[in-house]
C-alpha atoms as a PDB file:
ATOM      1  CA  MET A   1      -2.948 -11.879  -8.288  1.00  0.00           C
ATOM      2  CA  PRO A   2      -5.220  -9.624 -10.973  1.00  0.00           C
ATOM      3  CA  LEU A   3      -8.601  -8.962  -9.155  1.00  0.00           C
ATOM      4  CA  GLU A   4     -12.417  -8.952 -10.583  1.00  0.00           C
ATOM      5  CA  ALA A   5     -14.230  -7.642  -7.821  1.00  0.00           C
ATOM      6  CA  GLU A   6     -12.637  -6.641  -3.866  1.00  0.00           C
ATOM      7  CA  PRO A   7     -10.482  -8.988  -1.935  1.00  0.00           C
ATOM      8  CA  THR A   8     -12.353 -10.963   0.377  1.00  0.00           C
ATOM      9  CA  PHE A   9     -10.557 -12.166   3.208  1.00  0.00           C
ATOM     10  CA  ARG A  10      -9.774 -15.499   5.611  1.00  0.00           C
ATOM     11  CA  THR A  11      -8.893 -16.359   8.498  1.00  0.00           C
ATOM     12  CA  PHE A  12      -4.884 -17.246   9.365  1.00  0.00           C
ATOM     13  CA  PRO A  13      -5.316 -20.770  11.685  1.00  0.00           C
ATOM     14  CA  PHE A  14      -2.628 -21.237  13.101  1.00  0.00           C
ATOM     15  CA  ARG A  15      -0.206 -19.700  15.533  1.00  0.00           C
ATOM     16  CA  LEU A  16       3.177 -18.152  15.046  1.00  0.00           C
ATOM     17  CA  PRO A  17       5.958 -20.205  16.140  1.00  0.00           C
ATOM     18  CA  GLY A  18       8.013 -18.822  19.293  1.00  0.00           C
ATOM     19  CA  ASN A  19      11.943 -17.740  17.980  1.00  0.00           C
ATOM     20  CA  GLY A  20      13.866 -15.937  20.295  1.00  0.00           C
ATOM     21  CA  PRO A  21      15.569 -13.746  18.368  1.00  0.00           C
ATOM     22  CA  LEU A  22      13.038 -12.776  16.002  1.00  0.00           C
ATOM     23  CA  GLN A  23      10.791 -12.140  18.635  1.00  0.00           C
ATOM     24  CA  HIS A  24      13.565  -9.684  20.294  1.00  0.00           C
ATOM     25  CA  ALA A  25      13.681  -8.397  17.128  1.00  0.00           C
ATOM     26  CA  ILE A  26      10.173  -7.446  17.355  1.00  0.00           C
ATOM     27  CA  ASP A  27      10.691  -5.949  20.780  1.00  0.00           C
ATOM     28  CA  ASP A  28      13.069  -3.922  19.919  1.00  0.00           C
ATOM     29  CA  ALA A  29      11.526  -2.644  16.540  1.00  0.00           C
ATOM     30  CA  ALA A  30       8.351  -2.036  19.821  1.00  0.00           C
ATOM     31  CA  ARG A  31      10.640   0.072  21.867  1.00  0.00           C
ATOM     32  CA  VAL A  32      11.537   2.121  19.220  1.00  0.00           C
ATOM     33  CA  LEU A  33       8.033   2.885  18.307  1.00  0.00           C
ATOM     34  CA  SER A  34       7.565   4.059  22.220  1.00  0.00           C
ATOM     35  CA  ARG A  35      10.402   6.219  21.658  1.00  0.00           C
ATOM     36  CA  THR A  36       8.846   8.123  18.531  1.00  0.00           C
ATOM     37  CA  LYS A  37       6.504  10.914  18.623  1.00  0.00           C
ATOM     38  CA  GLY A  38       3.357   9.965  16.748  1.00  0.00           C
ATOM     39  CA  ARG A  39       4.120   6.698  16.348  1.00  0.00           C
ATOM     40  CA  PHE A  40       2.839   3.405  18.299  1.00  0.00           C
ATOM     41  CA  ASP A  41       2.541  -0.286  17.800  1.00  0.00           C
ATOM     42  CA  GLY A  42      -0.561  -0.516  16.626  1.00  0.00           C
ATOM     43  CA  PRO A  43      -2.485  -3.262  15.001  1.00  0.00           C
ATOM     44  CA  ILE A  44      -2.154  -4.370  11.356  1.00  0.00           C
ATOM     45  CA  ALA A  45      -3.032  -6.680   8.917  1.00  0.00           C
ATOM     46  CA  PHE A  46      -0.435  -9.956   7.617  1.00  0.00           C
ATOM     47  CA  CYS A  47      -0.800 -11.941   4.266  1.00  0.00           C
ATOM     48  CA  HIS A  48       0.113 -15.264   4.140  1.00  0.00           C
ATOM     49  CA  GLY A  49      -1.224 -16.367   0.762  1.00  0.00           C
ATOM     50  CA  VAL A  50      -3.747 -15.161  -1.870  1.00  0.00           C
ATOM     51  CA  SER A  51      -6.156 -17.797  -3.839  1.00  0.00           C
ATOM     52  CA  ARG A  52      -6.976 -17.551  -7.391  1.00  0.00           C
ATOM     53  CA  GLU A  53      -9.954 -15.744  -6.473  1.00  0.00           C
ATOM     54  CA  GLY A  54      -8.111 -13.250  -4.617  1.00  0.00           C
ATOM     55  CA  ALA A  55      -9.431 -13.984  -1.188  1.00  0.00           C
ATOM     56  CA  ILE A  56      -6.578 -13.283   1.526  1.00  0.00           C
ATOM     57  CA  LEU A  57      -5.492 -14.973   4.061  1.00  0.00           C
ATOM     58  CA  ARG A  58      -5.344 -12.271   6.597  1.00  0.00           C
ATOM     59  CA  ARG A  59      -3.532 -12.325  10.305  1.00  0.00           C
ATOM     60  CA  HIS A  60      -3.456  -9.638  12.503  1.00  0.00           C
ATOM     61  CA  GLY A  61      -0.420  -8.076  13.946  1.00  0.00           C
ATOM     62  CA  ARG A  62       1.523  -5.363  15.663  1.00  0.00           C
ATOM     63  CA  TYR A  63       3.274  -2.647  13.789  1.00  0.00           C
ATOM     64  CA  ALA A  64       6.436  -3.888  15.012  1.00  0.00           C
ATOM     65  CA  GLU A  65       6.433  -6.979  13.148  1.00  0.00           C
ATOM     66  CA  ALA A  66       6.308  -5.598  10.112  1.00  0.00           C
ATOM     67  CA  MET A  67       8.795  -3.037  11.028  1.00  0.00           C
ATOM     68  CA  VAL A  68      11.108  -6.199  11.302  1.00  0.00           C
ATOM     69  CA  VAL A  69       9.594  -7.154   7.499  1.00  0.00           C
ATOM     70  CA  PHE A  70      10.262  -4.115   6.264  1.00  0.00           C
ATOM     71  CA  ALA A  71      14.134  -4.725   7.459  1.00  0.00           C
ATOM     72  CA  GLU A  72      14.557  -8.146   6.658  1.00  0.00           C
ATOM     73  CA  PRO A  73      12.141  -8.963   3.687  1.00  0.00           C
ATOM     74  CA  THR A  74      12.920 -12.945   3.775  1.00  0.00           C
ATOM     75  CA  LEU A  75      10.774 -12.568   7.857  1.00  0.00           C
ATOM     76  CA  ALA A  76       7.608 -11.768   5.891  1.00  0.00           C
ATOM     77  CA  TYR A  77       7.902 -16.369   5.218  1.00  0.00           C
ATOM     78  CA  ARG A  78       7.574 -16.292   8.813  1.00  0.00           C
ATOM     79  CA  LEU A  79       5.337 -13.161   9.774  1.00  0.00           C
ATOM     80  CA  GLY A  80       3.363 -12.362   6.575  1.00  0.00           C
ATOM     81  CA  PHE A  81       3.644  -9.643   4.322  1.00  0.00           C
ATOM     82  CA  ALA A  82       2.555  -6.606   5.972  1.00  0.00           C
ATOM     83  CA  LEU A  83      -0.801  -5.169   4.285  1.00  0.00           C
ATOM     84  CA  GLY A  84      -1.201  -2.615   2.404  1.00  0.00           C
ATOM     85  CA  VAL A  85      -3.548  -0.499  -0.039  1.00  0.00           C
ATOM     86  CA  GLN A  86      -2.087   1.981  -3.561  1.00  0.00           C
ATOM     87  CA  LEU A  87      -4.094   3.641  -5.345  1.00  0.00           C
ATOM     88  CA  PHE A  88      -2.998   5.340  -8.905  1.00  0.00           C
ATOM     89  CA  ILE A  89      -4.865   8.431  -9.946  1.00  0.00           C
ATOM     90  CA  GLU A  90      -4.987   9.639 -13.861  1.00  0.00           C
ATOM     91  CA  ARG A  91      -5.966  12.207 -15.534  1.00  0.00           C
ATOM     92  CA  PRO A  92      -8.309  12.078 -19.252  1.00  0.00           C
ATOM     93  CA  GLU A  93      -4.996  12.636 -21.169  1.00  0.00           C
ATOM     94  CA  GLY A  94      -3.158   9.726 -19.171  1.00  0.00           C
ATOM     95  CA  LEU A  95      -1.192  11.738 -16.794  1.00  0.00           C
ATOM     96  CA  THR A  96      -0.829  10.023 -13.336  1.00  0.00           C
ATOM     97  CA  LEU A  97      -0.428  11.948 -10.097  1.00  0.00           C
ATOM     98  CA  PHE A  98       2.369  10.937  -7.707  1.00  0.00           C
ATOM     99  CA  GLN A  99       3.190  12.217  -4.573  1.00  0.00           C
ATOM    100  CA  GLN A 100       6.734  12.378  -2.401  1.00  0.00           C
ATOM    101  CA  ARG A 101       6.483  11.515   1.281  1.00  0.00           C
ATOM    102  CA  GLY A 102       6.925  14.186   3.643  1.00  0.00           C
ATOM    103  CA  PRO A 103      10.144  13.724   5.668  1.00  0.00           C
ATOM    104  CA  SER A 104       8.231  12.756   8.687  1.00  0.00           C
ATOM    105  CA  ILE A 105       6.381   9.496   7.697  1.00  0.00           C
ATOM    106  CA  GLY A 106       7.619   6.183   9.170  1.00  0.00           C
ATOM    107  CA  ARG A 107       7.349   4.053   5.908  1.00  0.00           C
ATOM    108  CA  ASP A 108       8.869   5.190   3.395  1.00  0.00           C
ATOM    109  CA  PRO A 109      10.413   8.637   3.899  1.00  0.00           C
ATOM    110  CA  LEU A 110      10.462  11.341   0.667  1.00  0.00           C
ATOM    111  CA  LEU A 111      10.532   9.034  -1.948  1.00  0.00           C
ATOM    112  CA  TRP A 112       7.767   8.694  -4.512  1.00  0.00           C
ATOM    113  CA  THR A 113       4.573   6.417  -3.972  1.00  0.00           C
ATOM    114  CA  ALA A 114       1.394   5.912  -5.735  1.00  0.00           C
ATOM    115  CA  SER A 115      -1.348   9.134  -5.801  1.00  0.00           C
ATOM    116  CA  ALA A 116      -2.437   7.890  -1.909  1.00  0.00           C
ATOM    117  CA  SER A 117      -1.193   4.630   0.061  1.00  0.00           C
ATOM    118  CA  GLY A 118      -0.596   3.309   3.603  1.00  0.00           C
ATOM    119  CA  GLY A 119      -1.194   0.148   5.880  1.00  0.00           C
ATOM    120  CA  LEU A 120      -3.848  -1.829   6.678  1.00  0.00           C
ATOM    121  CA  THR A 121      -5.549  -2.848   9.874  1.00  0.00           C
ATOM    122  CA  PRO A 122      -7.326  -5.828  10.051  1.00  0.00           C
ATOM    123  CA  ALA A 123     -10.604  -4.371  11.108  1.00  0.00           C
ATOM    124  CA  THR A 124     -10.523  -1.944   7.997  1.00  0.00           C
ATOM    125  CA  ALA A 125     -11.511  -2.879   4.295  1.00  0.00           C
ATOM    126  CA  PRO A 126      -8.831  -1.937   1.540  1.00  0.00           C
ATOM    127  CA  ARG A 127     -11.690   0.091   0.217  1.00  0.00           C
ATOM    128  CA  ASP A 128     -12.786   2.137   2.921  1.00  0.00           C
ATOM    129  CA  ALA A 129      -8.396   2.371   3.833  1.00  0.00           C
ATOM    130  CA  VAL A 130      -7.531   3.480   0.488  1.00  0.00           C
ATOM    131  CA  LEU A 131     -10.401   6.024   0.122  1.00  0.00           C
ATOM    132  CA  ALA A 132      -9.438   7.345   3.353  1.00  0.00           C
ATOM    133  CA  ASP A 133      -5.668   7.740   2.702  1.00  0.00           C
ATOM    134  CA  ALA A 134      -6.612   9.572  -0.337  1.00  0.00           C
ATOM    135  CA  ALA A 135      -8.793  12.238   1.408  1.00  0.00           C
ATOM    136  CA  GLU A 136      -6.035  12.183   4.155  1.00  0.00           C
ATOM    137  CA  GLU A 137      -3.106  12.860   2.122  1.00  0.00           C
ATOM    138  CA  ILE A 138      -4.292  14.491  -1.225  1.00  0.00           C
ATOM    139  CA  GLY A 139      -7.413  15.711  -0.256  1.00  0.00           C
ATOM    140  CA  LEU A 140      -9.828  13.882  -2.642  1.00  0.00           C
ATOM    141  CA  GLY A 141     -12.983  12.231  -1.776  1.00  0.00           C
ATOM    142  CA  GLU A 142     -14.604   8.830  -3.957  1.00  0.00           C
ATOM    143  CA  SER A 143     -16.833  11.497  -6.034  1.00  0.00           C
ATOM    144  CA  ASP A 144     -13.661  12.502  -7.314  1.00  0.00           C
ATOM    145  CA  LEU A 145     -12.637   9.271  -8.285  1.00  0.00           C
ATOM    146  CA  ILE A 146     -14.643   7.905 -11.421  1.00  0.00           C
ATOM    147  CA  GLY A 147     -13.983   4.406 -12.382  1.00  0.00           C
ATOM    148  CA  PHE A 148     -12.318   3.859  -8.835  1.00  0.00           C
ATOM    149  CA  THR A 149     -11.561  -0.122  -9.068  1.00  0.00           C
ATOM    150  CA  PRO A 150      -9.729  -2.896  -7.386  1.00  0.00           C
ATOM    151  CA  VAL A 151      -7.173  -3.851  -9.505  1.00  0.00           C
ATOM    152  CA  ALA A 152      -4.512  -6.229  -8.228  1.00  0.00           C
ATOM    153  CA  VAL A 153      -3.130  -7.934  -5.308  1.00  0.00           C
ATOM    154  CA  VAL A 154       0.905  -7.588  -5.080  1.00  0.00           C
ATOM    155  CA  VAL A 155       3.011  -9.806  -2.800  1.00  0.00           C
ATOM    156  CA  SER A 156       6.642  -8.348  -3.228  1.00  0.00           C
ATOM    157  CA  ASP A 157       9.558 -10.003  -2.018  1.00  0.00           C
ATOM    158  CA  ASP A 158      11.642  -7.096  -2.245  1.00  0.00           C
ATOM    159  CA  THR A 159       9.853  -5.049   0.268  1.00  0.00           C
ATOM    160  CA  GLY A 160       7.908  -7.611   2.875  1.00  0.00           C
ATOM    161  CA  SER A 161       4.540  -5.895   1.445  1.00  0.00           C
ATOM    162  CA  ALA A 162       1.275  -7.135   0.210  1.00  0.00           C
ATOM    163  CA  LEU A 163      -0.407  -4.258  -1.364  1.00  0.00           C
ATOM    164  CA  VAL A 164      -4.236  -4.048  -2.783  1.00  0.00           C
ATOM    165  CA  VAL A 165      -3.731  -1.956  -5.744  1.00  0.00           C
ATOM    166  CA  TYR A 166      -6.823   0.647  -6.810  1.00  0.00           C
ATOM    167  CA  CYS A 167      -7.308   2.902 -10.077  1.00  0.00           C
ATOM    168  CA  ALA A 168      -9.138   5.920 -10.877  1.00  0.00           C
ATOM    169  CA  THR A 169      -9.937   8.826 -13.073  1.00  0.00           C
ATOM    170  CA  LEU A 170     -10.204  12.483 -11.728  1.00  0.00           C
ATOM    171  CA  ARG A 171     -13.113  13.970 -12.215  1.00  0.00           C
ATOM    172  CA  GLU A 172     -13.264  16.709 -14.715  1.00  0.00           C
ATOM    173  CA  GLY A 173     -12.784  19.950 -12.610  1.00  0.00           C
ATOM    174  CA  ALA A 174     -11.118  18.345  -9.407  1.00  0.00           C
ATOM    175  CA  GLU A 175      -7.989  18.785  -7.968  1.00  0.00           C
ATOM    176  CA  PRO A 176      -5.546  17.485  -5.265  1.00  0.00           C
ATOM    177  CA  GLU A 177      -4.596  19.434  -2.258  1.00  0.00           C
ATOM    178  CA  PRO A 178      -1.945  17.649  -0.547  1.00  0.00           C
ATOM    179  CA  ASN A 179      -1.326  17.868   3.054  1.00  0.00           C
ATOM    180  CA  SER A 180       1.630  19.375   3.669  1.00  0.00           C
ATOM    181  CA  GLU A 181       2.589  16.827   6.906  1.00  0.00           C
ATOM    182  CA  LYS A 182       2.088  13.783   4.799  1.00  0.00           C
ATOM    183  CA  VAL A 183       3.178  15.108   1.367  1.00  0.00           C
ATOM    184  CA  ALA A 184       6.350  16.935   0.414  1.00  0.00           C
ATOM    185  CA  GLN A 185       5.119  17.524  -3.228  1.00  0.00           C
ATOM    186  CA  ILE A 186       3.172  15.951  -6.361  1.00  0.00           C
ATOM    187  CA  PHE A 187       3.604  15.277  -9.915  1.00  0.00           C
ATOM    188  CA  TRP A 188       1.371  14.247 -12.598  1.00  0.00           C
ATOM    189  CA  SER A 189       3.624  11.280 -15.234  1.00  0.00           C
ATOM    190  CA  ARG A 190       3.115   9.045 -17.596  1.00  0.00           C
ATOM    191  CA  SER A 191       5.283   6.326 -15.235  1.00  0.00           C
ATOM    192  CA  PRO A 192       7.695   6.675 -12.249  1.00  0.00           C
ATOM    193  CA  ALA A 193      10.424   6.466 -14.873  1.00  0.00           C
ATOM    194  CA  ASP A 194      10.182   9.958 -15.438  1.00  0.00           C
ATOM    195  CA  LEU A 195      10.191  11.263 -12.481  1.00  0.00           C
ATOM    196  CA  GLY A 196      13.801  11.616 -12.497  1.00  0.00           C
ATOM    197  CA  ALA A 197      13.414  10.682  -8.615  1.00  0.00           C
ATOM    198  CA  GLN A 198      13.664   7.116  -6.478  1.00  0.00           C
ATOM    199  CA  VAL A 199      10.833   5.963  -5.958  1.00  0.00           C
ATOM    200  CA  SER A 200       9.405   3.073  -3.572  1.00  0.00           C
ATOM    201  CA  ALA A 201       9.639  -0.674  -4.735  1.00  0.00           C
ATOM    202  CA  ASP A 202       6.658  -1.234  -3.743  1.00  0.00           C
ATOM    203  CA  THR A 203       4.993   1.933  -5.730  1.00  0.00           C
ATOM    204  CA  VAL A 204       7.474  -0.222  -8.805  1.00  0.00           C
ATOM    205  CA  ALA A 205       5.337  -3.401  -7.583  1.00  0.00           C
ATOM    206  CA  SER A 206       2.235  -1.869  -7.725  1.00  0.00           C
ATOM    207  CA  TRP A 207       2.680   0.105 -11.258  1.00  0.00           C
ATOM    208  CA  ALA A 208       3.579  -2.859 -13.048  1.00  0.00           C
ATOM    209  CA  ALA A 209       0.323  -5.026 -11.845  1.00  0.00           C
ATOM    210  CA  LEU A 210      -1.577  -1.436 -13.046  1.00  0.00           C
ATOM    211  CA  GLU A 211       0.228  -2.009 -16.621  1.00  0.00           C
ATOM    212  CA  ARG A 212      -0.695  -5.795 -16.847  1.00  0.00           C
ATOM    213  CA  TRP A 213      -4.216  -4.826 -15.918  1.00  0.00           C
ATOM    214  CA  ARG A 214      -4.672  -2.128 -18.641  1.00  0.00           C
ATOM    215  CA  ALA A 215      -2.759  -3.990 -20.845  1.00  0.00           C
ATOM    216  CA  ARG A 216      -5.965  -6.938 -20.467  1.00  0.00           C
ATOM    217  CA  GLU A 217      -8.566  -4.175 -20.112  1.00  0.00           C
ATOM    218  CA  ALA A 218      -7.827  -2.778 -24.071  1.00  0.00           C
ATOM    219  CA  ALA A 219      -6.974  -6.289 -24.955  1.00  0.00           C
ATOM    220  CA  PRO A 220      -9.930  -7.465 -27.362  1.00  0.00           C
ATOM    221  CA  ALA A 221     -12.946  -9.449 -26.137  1.00  0.00           C
END
């Protein structure tokens, strides 16, 4: 869904129906998180639909539920699509920054992703979340991101994710400083296809939305 401004949110008004096997899967995921160093069953937002005006129907959930959805994306139609953010940073000459996620990252370890990305908690605005990810992962602040703007909400049947996609141009003189605990390496490329390595499915879907936005922006008025 293309965005003309920051997305808005409406509260999901229903309770999720109880289900034995599904609840067992969520409980198993919670146990895995409790035994994994540096990870916990924290709050995460879920998307249950997006209006034409960019209003997201949002539910407050747990990361264990997101793990179940990521493992079986068809369950997103019951639990919701896990909300996240993706940011593409471009140089003026047309190259876009991609990062390879570190091996200890819980989601898509060692896969190539957007310039910065992450999950979205129920209490955090997408704009604030993606700016925090950029600062934490690649050492870039809002002042380094010229024309920082939302592009689209991408709901992916393939991954169980709903992603708020942003783009920006890198300020002249600024350079990314990757966090070695979170980012294995970075690379500037004209598209994910030029990386010659496995790219996150979330990033592939978000890139397609960015390309459509670029084509629309370049079209004559």
